[in-house]
Amino acid sequence: MVKFEEFPISSANYIPGYKVVEEKGFVYGLTVRARGLGGDIGAGLKGILGGEIKQYVKMMEESREESIGRCIEHAKELGANAIISVRLDSDSISQNMQEVLAYGTAVVIEKE
């Protein structure tokens, strides 16, 4: 997995302190995760009692990191050294499966 600090990404259309010298194209990373029975039981109790469902929060954080990591790998395959205009999208595929998609524009940047 690529470390994010070693490969600049930004939701803006630029990376501060750098200029875009070449666009490499659209890149994305996708992951799908299933909730386990233990998480569903805990979620059911939280649904009754109220409060944050920590198992789901952890699952979504891991999914976000995985999808961004895959997006970075895709950008590296195209010869990019950064991704701009990064967006994240999440959706339920079924009652217990969640997908997370990271996407953006792969670019080559240089210091200004």
PDB file of N, CA and C in Angstrom:
ATOM      1  N   MET A   1       0.845  -1.181   0.000  1.00  0.00           N
ATOM      2  CA  MET A   1       0.000   0.000   0.000  1.00  0.00           C
ATOM      3  C   MET A   1       0.889   1.242   0.000  1.00  0.00           C
ATOM      4  N   VAL A   2       0.530   2.213  -0.801  1.00  0.00           N
ATOM      5  CA  VAL A   2       1.262   3.472  -0.894  1.00  0.00           C
ATOM      6  C   VAL A   2       0.923   4.338   0.314  1.00  0.00           C
ATOM      7  N   LYS A   3       1.930   4.998   0.867  1.00  0.00           N
ATOM      8  CA  LYS A   3       1.680   5.947   1.949  1.00  0.00           C
ATOM      9  C   LYS A   3       1.251   7.272   1.329  1.00  0.00           C
ATOM     10  N   PHE A   4       0.147   7.824   1.812  1.00  0.00           N
ATOM     11  CA  PHE A   4      -0.421   9.032   1.224  1.00  0.00           C
ATOM     12  C   PHE A   4       0.553  10.203   1.255  1.00  0.00           C
ATOM     13  N   GLU A   5       1.358  10.306   2.315  1.00  0.00           N
ATOM     14  CA  GLU A   5       2.284  11.438   2.412  1.00  0.00           C
ATOM     15  C   GLU A   5       3.398  11.362   1.365  1.00  0.00           C
ATOM     16  N   GLU A   6       3.602  10.202   0.753  1.00  0.00           N
ATOM     17  CA  GLU A   6       4.621  10.038  -0.281  1.00  0.00           C
ATOM     18  C   GLU A   6       4.063  10.278  -1.681  1.00  0.00           C
ATOM     19  N   PHE A   7       2.755  10.455  -1.784  1.00  0.00           N
ATOM     20  CA  PHE A   7       2.097  10.653  -3.073  1.00  0.00           C
ATOM     21  C   PHE A   7       1.002  11.690  -2.862  1.00  0.00           C
ATOM     22  N   PRO A   8       1.248  12.958  -3.246  1.00  0.00           N
ATOM     23  CA  PRO A   8       0.281  14.017  -2.952  1.00  0.00           C
ATOM     24  C   PRO A   8      -1.078  13.783  -3.606  1.00  0.00           C
ATOM     25  N   ILE A   9      -2.130  13.975  -2.811  1.00  0.00           N
ATOM     26  CA  ILE A   9      -3.495  13.958  -3.331  1.00  0.00           C
ATOM     27  C   ILE A   9      -4.225  15.162  -2.750  1.00  0.00           C
ATOM     28  N   SER A  10      -5.186  15.678  -3.512  1.00  0.00           N
ATOM     29  CA  SER A  10      -5.925  16.848  -3.052  1.00  0.00           C
ATOM     30  C   SER A  10      -7.328  16.849  -3.641  1.00  0.00           C
ATOM     31  N   SER A  11      -8.285  17.323  -2.854  1.00  0.00           N
ATOM     32  CA  SER A  11      -9.638  17.495  -3.379  1.00  0.00           C
ATOM     33  C   SER A  11      -9.736  18.772  -4.212  1.00  0.00           C
ATOM     34  N   ALA A  12      -8.745  19.638  -4.108  1.00  0.00           N
ATOM     35  CA  ALA A  12      -8.697  20.858  -4.918  1.00  0.00           C
ATOM     36  C   ALA A  12      -8.187  20.514  -6.322  1.00  0.00           C
ATOM     37  N   ASN A  13      -8.201  21.500  -7.192  1.00  0.00           N
ATOM     38  CA  ASN A  13      -7.718  21.301  -8.561  1.00  0.00           C
ATOM     39  C   ASN A  13      -6.223  21.566  -8.689  1.00  0.00           C
ATOM     40  N   TYR A  14      -5.526  21.600  -7.568  1.00  0.00           N
ATOM     41  CA  TYR A  14      -4.087  21.873  -7.551  1.00  0.00           C
ATOM     42  C   TYR A  14      -3.491  21.299  -6.270  1.00  0.00           C
ATOM     43  N   ILE A  15      -2.169  21.226  -6.238  1.00  0.00           N
ATOM     44  CA  ILE A  15      -1.421  20.877  -5.033  1.00  0.00           C
ATOM     45  C   ILE A  15      -0.653  22.142  -4.651  1.00  0.00           C
ATOM     46  N   PRO A  16      -0.883  22.709  -3.474  1.00  0.00           N
ATOM     47  CA  PRO A  16      -0.200  23.952  -3.100  1.00  0.00           C
ATOM     48  C   PRO A  16       1.322  23.833  -3.230  1.00  0.00           C
ATOM     49  N   GLY A  17       1.919  24.844  -3.881  1.00  0.00           N
ATOM     50  CA  GLY A  17       3.369  24.880  -4.052  1.00  0.00           C
ATOM     51  C   GLY A  17       3.864  24.139  -5.282  1.00  0.00           C
ATOM     52  N   TYR A  18       2.946  23.563  -6.053  1.00  0.00           N
ATOM     53  CA  TYR A  18       3.306  22.798  -7.249  1.00  0.00           C
ATOM     54  C   TYR A  18       2.498  23.283  -8.440  1.00  0.00           C
ATOM     55  N   LYS A  19       3.007  23.009  -9.628  1.00  0.00           N
ATOM     56  CA  LYS A  19       2.237  23.290 -10.841  1.00  0.00           C
ATOM     57  C   LYS A  19       2.029  21.977 -11.586  1.00  0.00           C
ATOM     58  N   VAL A  20       0.883  21.856 -12.220  1.00  0.00           N
ATOM     59  CA  VAL A  20       0.572  20.675 -13.025  1.00  0.00           C
ATOM     60  C   VAL A  20       1.247  20.853 -14.380  1.00  0.00           C
ATOM     61  N   VAL A  21       2.096  19.891 -14.755  1.00  0.00           N
ATOM     62  CA  VAL A  21       2.786  19.970 -16.047  1.00  0.00           C
ATOM     63  C   VAL A  21       2.207  18.985 -17.061  1.00  0.00           C
ATOM     64  N   GLU A  22       1.442  18.011 -16.577  1.00  0.00           N
ATOM     65  CA  GLU A  22       0.825  17.047 -17.496  1.00  0.00           C
ATOM     66  C   GLU A  22      -0.341  16.338 -16.799  1.00  0.00           C
ATOM     67  N   GLU A  23      -1.441  16.200 -17.527  1.00  0.00           N
ATOM     68  CA  GLU A  23      -2.568  15.410 -17.035  1.00  0.00           C
ATOM     69  C   GLU A  23      -2.457  14.010 -17.618  1.00  0.00           C
ATOM     70  N   LYS A  24      -2.601  13.009 -16.759  1.00  0.00           N
ATOM     71  CA  LYS A  24      -2.506  11.614 -17.197  1.00  0.00           C
ATOM     72  C   LYS A  24      -3.871  10.966 -17.373  1.00  0.00           C
ATOM     73  N   GLY A  25      -4.908  11.558 -16.781  1.00  0.00           N
ATOM     74  CA  GLY A  25      -6.252  11.033 -16.980  1.00  0.00           C
ATOM     75  C   GLY A  25      -6.969  10.663 -15.694  1.00  0.00           C
ATOM     76  N   PHE A  26      -8.161  10.133 -15.877  1.00  0.00           N
ATOM     77  CA  PHE A  26      -9.054   9.742 -14.786  1.00  0.00           C
ATOM     78  C   PHE A  26      -8.545   8.467 -14.131  1.00  0.00           C
ATOM     79  N   VAL A  27      -8.538   8.463 -12.802  1.00  0.00           N
ATOM     80  CA  VAL A  27      -8.142   7.265 -12.050  1.00  0.00           C
ATOM     81  C   VAL A  27      -9.168   6.999 -10.959  1.00  0.00           C
ATOM     82  N   TYR A  28      -9.238   5.746 -10.549  1.00  0.00           N
ATOM     83  CA  TYR A  28     -10.171   5.384  -9.486  1.00  0.00           C
ATOM     84  C   TYR A  28      -9.644   4.194  -8.699  1.00  0.00           C
ATOM     85  N   GLY A  29     -10.200   4.020  -7.537  1.00  0.00           N
ATOM     86  CA  GLY A  29      -9.936   2.856  -6.699  1.00  0.00           C
ATOM     87  C   GLY A  29     -11.234   2.473  -6.023  1.00  0.00           C
ATOM     88  N   LEU A  30     -11.534   1.192  -5.989  1.00  0.00           N
ATOM     89  CA  LEU A  30     -12.813   0.709  -5.471  1.00  0.00           C
ATOM     90  C   LEU A  30     -12.584  -0.420  -4.487  1.00  0.00           C
ATOM     91  N   THR A  31     -13.367  -0.447  -3.431  1.00  0.00           N
ATOM     92  CA  THR A  31     -13.375  -1.579  -2.519  1.00  0.00           C
ATOM     93  C   THR A  31     -14.812  -1.842  -2.089  1.00  0.00           C
ATOM     94  N   VAL A  32     -15.092  -3.091  -1.799  1.00  0.00           N
ATOM     95  CA  VAL A  32     -16.404  -3.499  -1.293  1.00  0.00           C
ATOM     96  C   VAL A  32     -16.163  -4.295  -0.021  1.00  0.00           C
ATOM     97  N   ARG A  33     -16.857  -3.940   1.021  1.00  0.00           N
ATOM     98  CA  ARG A  33     -16.707  -4.622   2.304  1.00  0.00           C
ATOM     99  C   ARG A  33     -18.063  -5.131   2.770  1.00  0.00           C
ATOM    100  N   ALA A  34     -18.034  -6.275   3.437  1.00  0.00           N
ATOM    101  CA  ALA A  34     -19.245  -6.844   4.031  1.00  0.00           C
ATOM    102  C   ALA A  34     -19.164  -6.716   5.540  1.00  0.00           C
ATOM    103  N   ARG A  35     -20.287  -6.386   6.123  1.00  0.00           N
ATOM    104  CA  ARG A  35     -20.362  -6.351   7.585  1.00  0.00           C
ATOM    105  C   ARG A  35     -20.509  -7.774   8.087  1.00  0.00           C
ATOM    106  N   GLY A  36     -19.848  -8.073   9.171  1.00  0.00           N
ATOM    107  CA  GLY A  36     -19.958  -9.398   9.771  1.00  0.00           C
ATOM    108  C   GLY A  36     -21.140  -9.478  10.720  1.00  0.00           C
ATOM    109  N   LEU A  37     -21.471 -10.686  11.114  1.00  0.00           N
ATOM    110  CA  LEU A  37     -22.588 -10.911  12.025  1.00  0.00           C
ATOM    111  C   LEU A  37     -22.389 -10.175  13.345  1.00  0.00           C
ATOM    112  N   GLY A  38     -21.164 -10.190  13.867  1.00  0.00           N
ATOM    113  CA  GLY A  38     -20.883  -9.489  15.124  1.00  0.00           C
ATOM    114  C   GLY A  38     -21.173  -8.003  15.019  1.00  0.00           C
ATOM    115  N   GLY A  39     -20.796  -7.404  13.895  1.00  0.00           N
ATOM    116  CA  GLY A  39     -21.063  -5.983  13.682  1.00  0.00           C
ATOM    117  C   GLY A  39     -22.545  -5.700  13.586  1.00  0.00           C
ATOM    118  N   ASP A  40     -23.276  -6.604  12.928  1.00  0.00           N
ATOM    119  CA  ASP A  40     -24.718  -6.419  12.801  1.00  0.00           C
ATOM    120  C   ASP A  40     -25.416  -6.517  14.150  1.00  0.00           C
ATOM    121  N   ILE A  41     -24.958  -7.428  14.998  1.00  0.00           N
ATOM    122  CA  ILE A  41     -25.548  -7.551  16.338  1.00  0.00           C
ATOM    123  C   ILE A  41     -25.275  -6.283  17.142  1.00  0.00           C
ATOM    124  N   GLY A  42     -24.013  -5.822  17.103  1.00  0.00           N
ATOM    125  CA  GLY A  42     -23.658  -4.578  17.799  1.00  0.00           C
ATOM    126  C   GLY A  42     -24.439  -3.392  17.260  1.00  0.00           C
ATOM    127  N   ALA A  43     -24.625  -3.337  15.943  1.00  0.00           N
ATOM    128  CA  ALA A  43     -25.376  -2.245  15.327  1.00  0.00           C
ATOM    129  C   ALA A  43     -26.836  -2.292  15.757  1.00  0.00           C
ATOM    130  N   GLY A  44     -27.377  -3.501  15.855  1.00  0.00           N
ATOM    131  CA  GLY A  44     -28.761  -3.641  16.299  1.00  0.00           C
ATOM    132  C   GLY A  44     -28.955  -3.105  17.701  1.00  0.00           C
ATOM    133  N   LEU A  45     -28.012  -3.408  18.587  1.00  0.00           N
ATOM    134  CA  LEU A  45     -28.092  -2.896  19.959  1.00  0.00           C
ATOM    135  C   LEU A  45     -27.941  -1.379  19.990  1.00  0.00           C
ATOM    136  N   LYS A  46     -27.006  -0.848  19.194  1.00  0.00           N
ATOM    137  CA  LYS A  46     -26.826   0.603  19.140  1.00  0.00           C
ATOM    138  C   LYS A  46     -28.068   1.271  18.552  1.00  0.00           C
ATOM    139  N   GLY A  47     -28.724   0.571  17.607  1.00  0.00           N
ATOM    140  CA  GLY A  47     -29.949   1.110  17.032  1.00  0.00           C
ATOM    141  C   GLY A  47     -31.038   1.265  18.074  1.00  0.00           C
ATOM    142  N   ILE A  48     -31.046   0.380  19.032  1.00  0.00           N
ATOM    143  CA  ILE A  48     -32.030   0.441  20.115  1.00  0.00           C
ATOM    144  C   ILE A  48     -31.600   1.456  21.168  1.00  0.00           C
ATOM    145  N   LEU A  49     -30.331   1.391  21.564  1.00  0.00           N
ATOM    146  CA  LEU A  49     -29.829   2.223  22.658  1.00  0.00           C
ATOM    147  C   LEU A  49     -29.315   3.584  22.198  1.00  0.00           C
ATOM    148  N   GLY A  50     -28.951   3.693  20.924  1.00  0.00           N
ATOM    149  CA  GLY A  50     -28.379   4.929  20.396  1.00  0.00           C
ATOM    150  C   GLY A  50     -26.868   4.946  20.546  1.00  0.00           C
ATOM    151  N   GLY A  51     -26.215   5.777  19.756  1.00  0.00           N
ATOM    152  CA  GLY A  51     -24.764   5.928  19.844  1.00  0.00           C
ATOM    153  C   GLY A  51     -24.062   5.525  18.563  1.00  0.00           C
ATOM    154  N   GLU A  52     -22.773   5.815  18.516  1.00  0.00           N
ATOM    155  CA  GLU A  52     -21.945   5.514  17.352  1.00  0.00           C
ATOM    156  C   GLU A  52     -21.667   4.019  17.271  1.00  0.00           C
ATOM    157  N   ILE A  53     -21.669   3.494  16.067  1.00  0.00           N
ATOM    158  CA  ILE A  53     -21.390   2.074  15.842  1.00  0.00           C
ATOM    159  C   ILE A  53     -19.931   1.961  15.421  1.00  0.00           C
ATOM    160  N   LYS A  54     -19.065   1.754  16.395  1.00  0.00           N
ATOM    161  CA  LYS A  54     -17.620   1.807  16.174  1.00  0.00           C
ATOM    162  C   LYS A  54     -17.129   0.780  15.156  1.00  0.00           C
ATOM    163  N   GLN A  55     -17.762  -0.408  15.106  1.00  0.00           N
ATOM    164  CA  GLN A  55     -17.338  -1.426  14.142  1.00  0.00           C
ATOM    165  C   GLN A  55     -17.538  -0.915  12.709  1.00  0.00           C
ATOM    166  N   TYR A  56     -18.640  -0.221  12.472  1.00  0.00           N
ATOM    167  CA  TYR A  56     -18.917   0.295  11.133  1.00  0.00           C
ATOM    168  C   TYR A  56     -18.008   1.470  10.793  1.00  0.00           C
ATOM    169  N   VAL A  57     -17.729   2.301  11.784  1.00  0.00           N
ATOM    170  CA  VAL A  57     -16.819   3.426  11.557  1.00  0.00           C
ATOM    171  C   VAL A  57     -15.452   2.897  11.141  1.00  0.00           C
ATOM    172  N   LYS A  58     -14.952   1.901  11.857  1.00  0.00           N
ATOM    173  CA  LYS A  58     -13.649   1.305  11.525  1.00  0.00           C
ATOM    174  C   LYS A  58     -13.675   0.698  10.122  1.00  0.00           C
ATOM    175  N   MET A  59     -14.764  -0.009   9.788  1.00  0.00           N
ATOM    176  CA  MET A  59     -14.879  -0.619   8.471  1.00  0.00           C
ATOM    177  C   MET A  59     -14.856   0.449   7.372  1.00  0.00           C
ATOM    178  N   MET A  60     -15.558   1.556   7.583  1.00  0.00           N
ATOM    179  CA  MET A  60     -15.601   2.604   6.570  1.00  0.00           C
ATOM    180  C   MET A  60     -14.260   3.332   6.457  1.00  0.00           C
ATOM    181  N   GLU A  61     -13.565   3.535   7.580  1.00  0.00           N
ATOM    182  CA  GLU A  61     -12.232   4.153   7.526  1.00  0.00           C
ATOM    183  C   GLU A  61     -11.261   3.271   6.748  1.00  0.00           C
ATOM    184  N   GLU A  62     -11.294   1.971   7.008  1.00  0.00           N
ATOM    185  CA  GLU A  62     -10.426   1.039   6.277  1.00  0.00           C
ATOM    186  C   GLU A  62     -10.782   1.016   4.795  1.00  0.00           C
ATOM    187  N   SER A  63     -12.065   1.060   4.482  1.00  0.00           N
ATOM    188  CA  SER A  63     -12.510   1.067   3.086  1.00  0.00           C
ATOM    189  C   SER A  63     -12.038   2.321   2.366  1.00  0.00           C
ATOM    190  N   ARG A  64     -12.130   3.449   3.039  1.00  0.00           N
ATOM    191  CA  ARG A  64     -11.682   4.710   2.446  1.00  0.00           C
ATOM    192  C   ARG A  64     -10.186   4.658   2.148  1.00  0.00           C
ATOM    193  N   GLU A  65      -9.391   4.197   3.112  1.00  0.00           N
ATOM    194  CA  GLU A  65      -7.946   4.100   2.905  1.00  0.00           C
ATOM    195  C   GLU A  65      -7.609   3.128   1.776  1.00  0.00           C
ATOM    196  N   GLU A  66      -8.303   2.011   1.719  1.00  0.00           N
ATOM    197  CA  GLU A  66      -8.059   1.018   0.666  1.00  0.00           C
ATOM    198  C   GLU A  66      -8.391   1.583  -0.711  1.00  0.00           C
ATOM    199  N   SER A  67      -9.528   2.257  -0.844  1.00  0.00           N
ATOM    200  CA  SER A  67      -9.910   2.793  -2.151  1.00  0.00           C
ATOM    201  C   SER A  67      -8.967   3.910  -2.589  1.00  0.00           C
ATOM    202  N   ILE A  68      -8.530   4.766  -1.662  1.00  0.00           N
ATOM    203  CA  ILE A  68      -7.566   5.810  -2.012  1.00  0.00           C
ATOM    204  C   ILE A  68      -6.233   5.180  -2.407  1.00  0.00           C
ATOM    205  N   GLY A  69      -5.797   4.169  -1.678  1.00  0.00           N
ATOM    206  CA  GLY A  69      -4.556   3.466  -2.024  1.00  0.00           C
ATOM    207  C   GLY A  69      -4.608   2.864  -3.415  1.00  0.00           C
ATOM    208  N   ARG A  70      -5.735   2.280  -3.771  1.00  0.00           N
ATOM    209  CA  ARG A  70      -5.888   1.704  -5.117  1.00  0.00           C
ATOM    210  C   ARG A  70      -5.910   2.788  -6.184  1.00  0.00           C
ATOM    211  N   CYS A  71      -6.503   3.925  -5.862  1.00  0.00           N
ATOM    212  CA  CYS A  71      -6.514   5.059  -6.790  1.00  0.00           C
ATOM    213  C   CYS A  71      -5.081   5.540  -7.041  1.00  0.00           C
ATOM    214  N   ILE A  72      -4.287   5.618  -5.989  1.00  0.00           N
ATOM    215  CA  ILE A  72      -2.885   6.020  -6.117  1.00  0.00           C
ATOM    216  C   ILE A  72      -2.118   5.016  -6.972  1.00  0.00           C
ATOM    217  N   GLU A  73      -2.323   3.729  -6.739  1.00  0.00           N
ATOM    218  CA  GLU A  73      -1.647   2.702  -7.547  1.00  0.00           C
ATOM    219  C   GLU A  73      -2.007   2.856  -9.025  1.00  0.00           C
ATOM    220  N   HIS A  74      -3.278   3.127  -9.312  1.00  0.00           N
ATOM    221  CA  HIS A  74      -3.729   3.337 -10.694  1.00  0.00           C
ATOM    222  C   HIS A  74      -3.001   4.539 -11.302  1.00  0.00           C
ATOM    223  N   ALA A  75      -2.893   5.626 -10.534  1.00  0.00           N
ATOM    224  CA  ALA A  75      -2.206   6.826 -11.022  1.00  0.00           C
ATOM    225  C   ALA A  75      -0.731   6.548 -11.298  1.00  0.00           C
ATOM    226  N   LYS A  76      -0.088   5.797 -10.416  1.00  0.00           N
ATOM    227  CA  LYS A  76       1.326   5.461 -10.616  1.00  0.00           C
ATOM    228  C   LYS A  76       1.522   4.638 -11.884  1.00  0.00           C
ATOM    229  N   GLU A  77       0.583   3.744 -12.178  1.00  0.00           N
ATOM    230  CA  GLU A  77       0.667   2.945 -13.409  1.00  0.00           C
ATOM    231  C   GLU A  77       0.636   3.830 -14.649  1.00  0.00           C
ATOM    232  N   LEU A  78      -0.027   4.986 -14.551  1.00  0.00           N
ATOM    233  CA  LEU A  78      -0.101   5.925 -15.673  1.00  0.00           C
ATOM    234  C   LEU A  78       1.097   6.866 -15.732  1.00  0.00           C
ATOM    235  N   GLY A  79       1.990   6.793 -14.738  1.00  0.00           N
ATOM    236  CA  GLY A  79       3.164   7.656 -14.705  1.00  0.00           C
ATOM    237  C   GLY A  79       2.940   8.971 -13.980  1.00  0.00           C
ATOM    238  N   ALA A  80       1.871   9.081 -13.222  1.00  0.00           N
ATOM    239  CA  ALA A  80       1.578  10.306 -12.472  1.00  0.00           C
ATOM    240  C   ALA A  80       2.343  10.314 -11.152  1.00  0.00           C
ATOM    241  N   ASN A  81       2.484  11.516 -10.585  1.00  0.00           N
ATOM    242  CA  ASN A  81       3.090  11.623  -9.256  1.00  0.00           C
ATOM    243  C   ASN A  81       2.189  12.372  -8.271  1.00  0.00           C
ATOM    244  N   ALA A  82       0.921  12.580  -8.660  1.00  0.00           N
ATOM    245  CA  ALA A  82      -0.063  13.216  -7.779  1.00  0.00           C
ATOM    246  C   ALA A  82      -1.460  12.983  -8.353  1.00  0.00           C
ATOM    247  N   ILE A  83      -2.465  13.213  -7.505  1.00  0.00           N
ATOM    248  CA  ILE A  83      -3.861  13.157  -7.954  1.00  0.00           C
ATOM    249  C   ILE A  83      -4.557  14.402  -7.430  1.00  0.00           C
ATOM    250  N   ILE A  84      -5.263  15.089  -8.330  1.00  0.00           N
ATOM    251  CA  ILE A  84      -6.041  16.261  -7.940  1.00  0.00           C
ATOM    252  C   ILE A  84      -7.527  15.971  -8.158  1.00  0.00           C
ATOM    253  N   SER A  85      -8.358  16.864  -7.645  1.00  0.00           N
ATOM    254  CA  SER A  85      -9.821  16.743  -7.770  1.00  0.00           C
ATOM    255  C   SER A  85     -10.328  15.415  -7.220  1.00  0.00           C
ATOM    256  N   VAL A  86      -9.745  14.975  -6.114  1.00  0.00           N
ATOM    257  CA  VAL A  86     -10.107  13.680  -5.524  1.00  0.00           C
ATOM    258  C   VAL A  86     -11.487  13.768  -4.879  1.00  0.00           C
ATOM    259  N   ARG A  87     -12.290  12.759  -5.140  1.00  0.00           N
ATOM    260  CA  ARG A  87     -13.621  12.634  -4.550  1.00  0.00           C
ATOM    261  C   ARG A  87     -13.786  11.228  -4.015  1.00  0.00           C
ATOM    262  N   LEU A  88     -14.642  11.092  -3.018  1.00  0.00           N
ATOM    263  CA  LEU A  88     -14.996   9.791  -2.455  1.00  0.00           C
ATOM    264  C   LEU A  88     -16.502   9.624  -2.555  1.00  0.00           C
ATOM    265  N   ASP A  89     -16.924   8.416  -2.873  1.00  0.00           N
ATOM    266  CA  ASP A  89     -18.347   8.105  -2.956  1.00  0.00           C
ATOM    267  C   ASP A  89     -18.569   6.775  -2.265  1.00  0.00           C
ATOM    268  N   SER A  90     -19.697   6.641  -1.618  1.00  0.00           N
ATOM    269  CA  SER A  90     -20.013   5.419  -0.888  1.00  0.00           C
ATOM    270  C   SER A  90     -21.459   5.043  -1.156  1.00  0.00           C
ATOM    271  N   ASP A  91     -21.714   3.741  -1.249  1.00  0.00           N
ATOM    272  CA  ASP A  91     -23.074   3.277  -1.500  1.00  0.00           C
ATOM    273  C   ASP A  91     -23.240   1.875  -0.946  1.00  0.00           C
ATOM    274  N   SER A  92     -24.453   1.517  -0.615  1.00  0.00           N
ATOM    275  CA  SER A  92     -24.766   0.158  -0.184  1.00  0.00           C
ATOM    276  C   SER A  92     -25.075  -0.685  -1.405  1.00  0.00           C
ATOM    277  N   ILE A  93     -24.437  -1.842  -1.497  1.00  0.00           N
ATOM    278  CA  ILE A  93     -24.711  -2.776  -2.586  1.00  0.00           C
ATOM    279  C   ILE A  93     -25.860  -3.693  -2.190  1.00  0.00           C
ATOM    280  N   SER A  94     -25.848  -4.094  -0.938  1.00  0.00           N
ATOM    281  CA  SER A  94     -26.933  -4.901  -0.384  1.00  0.00           C
ATOM    282  C   SER A  94     -27.071  -4.504   1.080  1.00  0.00           C
ATOM    283  N   GLN A  95     -27.897  -5.219   1.794  1.00  0.00           N
ATOM    284  CA  GLN A  95     -28.148  -4.864   3.183  1.00  0.00           C
ATOM    285  C   GLN A  95     -26.874  -4.870   4.029  1.00  0.00           C
ATOM    286  N   ASN A  96     -25.920  -5.745   3.703  1.00  0.00           N
ATOM    287  CA  ASN A  96     -24.718  -5.814   4.539  1.00  0.00           C
ATOM    288  C   ASN A  96     -23.419  -5.608   3.767  1.00  0.00           C
ATOM    289  N   MET A  97     -23.481  -5.031   2.559  1.00  0.00           N
ATOM    290  CA  MET A  97     -22.264  -4.743   1.788  1.00  0.00           C
ATOM    291  C   MET A  97     -22.216  -3.268   1.414  1.00  0.00           C
ATOM    292  N   GLN A  98     -21.031  -2.690   1.571  1.00  0.00           N
ATOM    293  CA  GLN A  98     -20.816  -1.278   1.305  1.00  0.00           C
ATOM    294  C   GLN A  98     -19.652  -1.130   0.331  1.00  0.00           C
ATOM    295  N   GLU A  99     -19.825  -0.268  -0.680  1.00  0.00           N
ATOM    296  CA  GLU A  99     -18.719   0.022  -1.588  1.00  0.00           C
ATOM    297  C   GLU A  99     -18.230   1.441  -1.341  1.00  0.00           C
ATOM    298  N   VAL A 100     -16.928   1.634  -1.507  1.00  0.00           N
ATOM    299  CA  VAL A 100     -16.330   2.962  -1.417  1.00  0.00           C
ATOM    300  C   VAL A 100     -15.480   3.153  -2.665  1.00  0.00           C
ATOM    301  N   LEU A 101     -15.721   4.255  -3.359  1.00  0.00           N
ATOM    302  CA  LEU A 101     -15.016   4.589  -4.588  1.00  0.00           C
ATOM    303  C   LEU A 101     -14.258   5.890  -4.379  1.00  0.00           C
ATOM    304  N   ALA A 102     -12.971   5.879  -4.691  1.00  0.00           N
ATOM    305  CA  ALA A 102     -12.154   7.097  -4.706  1.00  0.00           C
ATOM    306  C   ALA A 102     -11.803   7.363  -6.163  1.00  0.00           C
ATOM    307  N   TYR A 103     -11.906   8.622  -6.593  1.00  0.00           N
ATOM    308  CA  TYR A 103     -11.560   8.932  -7.978  1.00  0.00           C
ATOM    309  C   TYR A 103     -11.034  10.352  -8.087  1.00  0.00           C
ATOM    310  N   GLY A 104     -10.302  10.604  -9.161  1.00  0.00           N
ATOM    311  CA  GLY A 104      -9.726  11.920  -9.379  1.00  0.00           C
ATOM    312  C   GLY A 104      -8.971  11.968 -10.697  1.00  0.00           C
ATOM    313  N   THR A 105      -8.161  13.000 -10.856  1.00  0.00           N
ATOM    314  CA  THR A 105      -7.368  13.200 -12.068  1.00  0.00           C
ATOM    315  C   THR A 105      -5.894  12.994 -11.736  1.00  0.00           C
ATOM    316  N   ALA A 106      -5.281  12.037 -12.406  1.00  0.00           N
ATOM    317  CA  ALA A 106      -3.852  11.763 -12.227  1.00  0.00           C
ATOM    318  C   ALA A 106      -3.058  12.818 -12.991  1.00  0.00           C
ATOM    319  N   VAL A 107      -2.042  13.372 -12.333  1.00  0.00           N
ATOM    320  CA  VAL A 107      -1.241  14.432 -12.941  1.00  0.00           C
ATOM    321  C   VAL A 107       0.236  14.248 -12.612  1.00  0.00           C
ATOM    322  N   VAL A 108       1.057  14.933 -13.397  1.00  0.00           N
ATOM    323  CA  VAL A 108       2.480  15.075 -13.088  1.00  0.00           C
ATOM    324  C   VAL A 108       2.651  16.506 -12.602  1.00  0.00           C
ATOM    325  N   ILE A 109       3.266  16.653 -11.429  1.00  0.00           N
ATOM    326  CA  ILE A 109       3.477  17.983 -10.860  1.00  0.00           C
ATOM    327  C   ILE A 109       4.961  18.251 -10.675  1.00  0.00           C
ATOM    328  N   GLU A 110       5.295  19.550 -10.656  1.00  0.00           N
ATOM    329  CA  GLU A 110       6.654  20.010 -10.363  1.00  0.00           C
ATOM    330  C   GLU A 110       6.563  21.160  -9.381  1.00  0.00           C
ATOM    331  N   LYS A 111       7.607  21.329  -8.561  1.00  0.00           N
ATOM    332  CA  LYS A 111       7.662  22.477  -7.641  1.00  0.00           C
ATOM    333  C   LYS A 111       7.614  23.768  -8.439  1.00  0.00           C
ATOM    334  N   GLU A 112       6.909  24.745  -7.888  1.00  0.00           N
ATOM    335  CA  GLU A 112       6.840  26.057  -8.558  1.00  0.00           C
ATOM    336  C   GLU A 112       8.119  26.835  -8.348  1.00  0.00           C
TER     337      GLU A 112
END
